Amino acid sequence: MNPHQVTRDFEAALCEYTGARFAVTVTSCTAALLLAVKWWCRDEHQTWGAGIGVLPPLPFTIPKRTYVSVPMSIINAGGQVMFRDEDWSGFYQLKPYPIWDSARRFTSGMFMPGQFQCVSFHVSKVLGDTQGGAILHDSPEADAWFRRMRFDGRTEGVAPKDDDIREVGFHYYMSPDVAARLLHRLSFLPRVNDDLPNDDYPDLSTFEIFK
């Protein structure tokens, strides 16, 4: 019996609930954001939004009042951070990229085509457990990459000695016990859920580490 089948079942249930074509579970929303940013910082995306020529990735612009791990994820993924003034509720975009921090929003039909929406399953969230997160998206190419990157760069179902590991990945895969509990809780979660209120976030633009 494959212990990770329950994770696939939970991902399928997430797709049905949110309307996303793909759902890639990871250890946290922070991990989901890091992988989504890393996807857009890859070499083949270096000209994104630049017209012609090769330029560094455009900065990822986020609200100055949000959770501290968001700019850290951007930096750890190789991106640059800029801050903006914005009163937001539930989710916000890492502009100008199609990436959304949706840690405080989880409701049915929430997926927006062409976007990468990162959700949280922290115990304090709408669908919560000890930890967990996911990337909701509709890109087959990104889906294959995310699944390798969350699993140490490995191909799922292939023994390390038989695998052709070509990229440095991350140890971000969701454990089966967490997936099982979240799948059970999702089965009776209401279809419509209000956004969670924002925490009393500090102004991150004043932090020396982000200057």
Foldseek 3Di string as FASTA:
>chain_A
DDLCVLVVVLQVLLCQFAVFPGKAKWFWLLVLLLLVLLVCQDPVNQCPVVPDDGHGDDAFEEALFDDPSNCVSNVVSPHAYDYDHDDDFQWDGRPPALEMARQQDDAGNNDDAPHWYKYWQDQVHLQHDPTMIITGYHDPVSVQVSVCQCCQQFDPPDDPVRTDRDDGHHVIHDRSVVSNSSSVVSVPRDRDDGGDDGDPGDRNVPDPVND
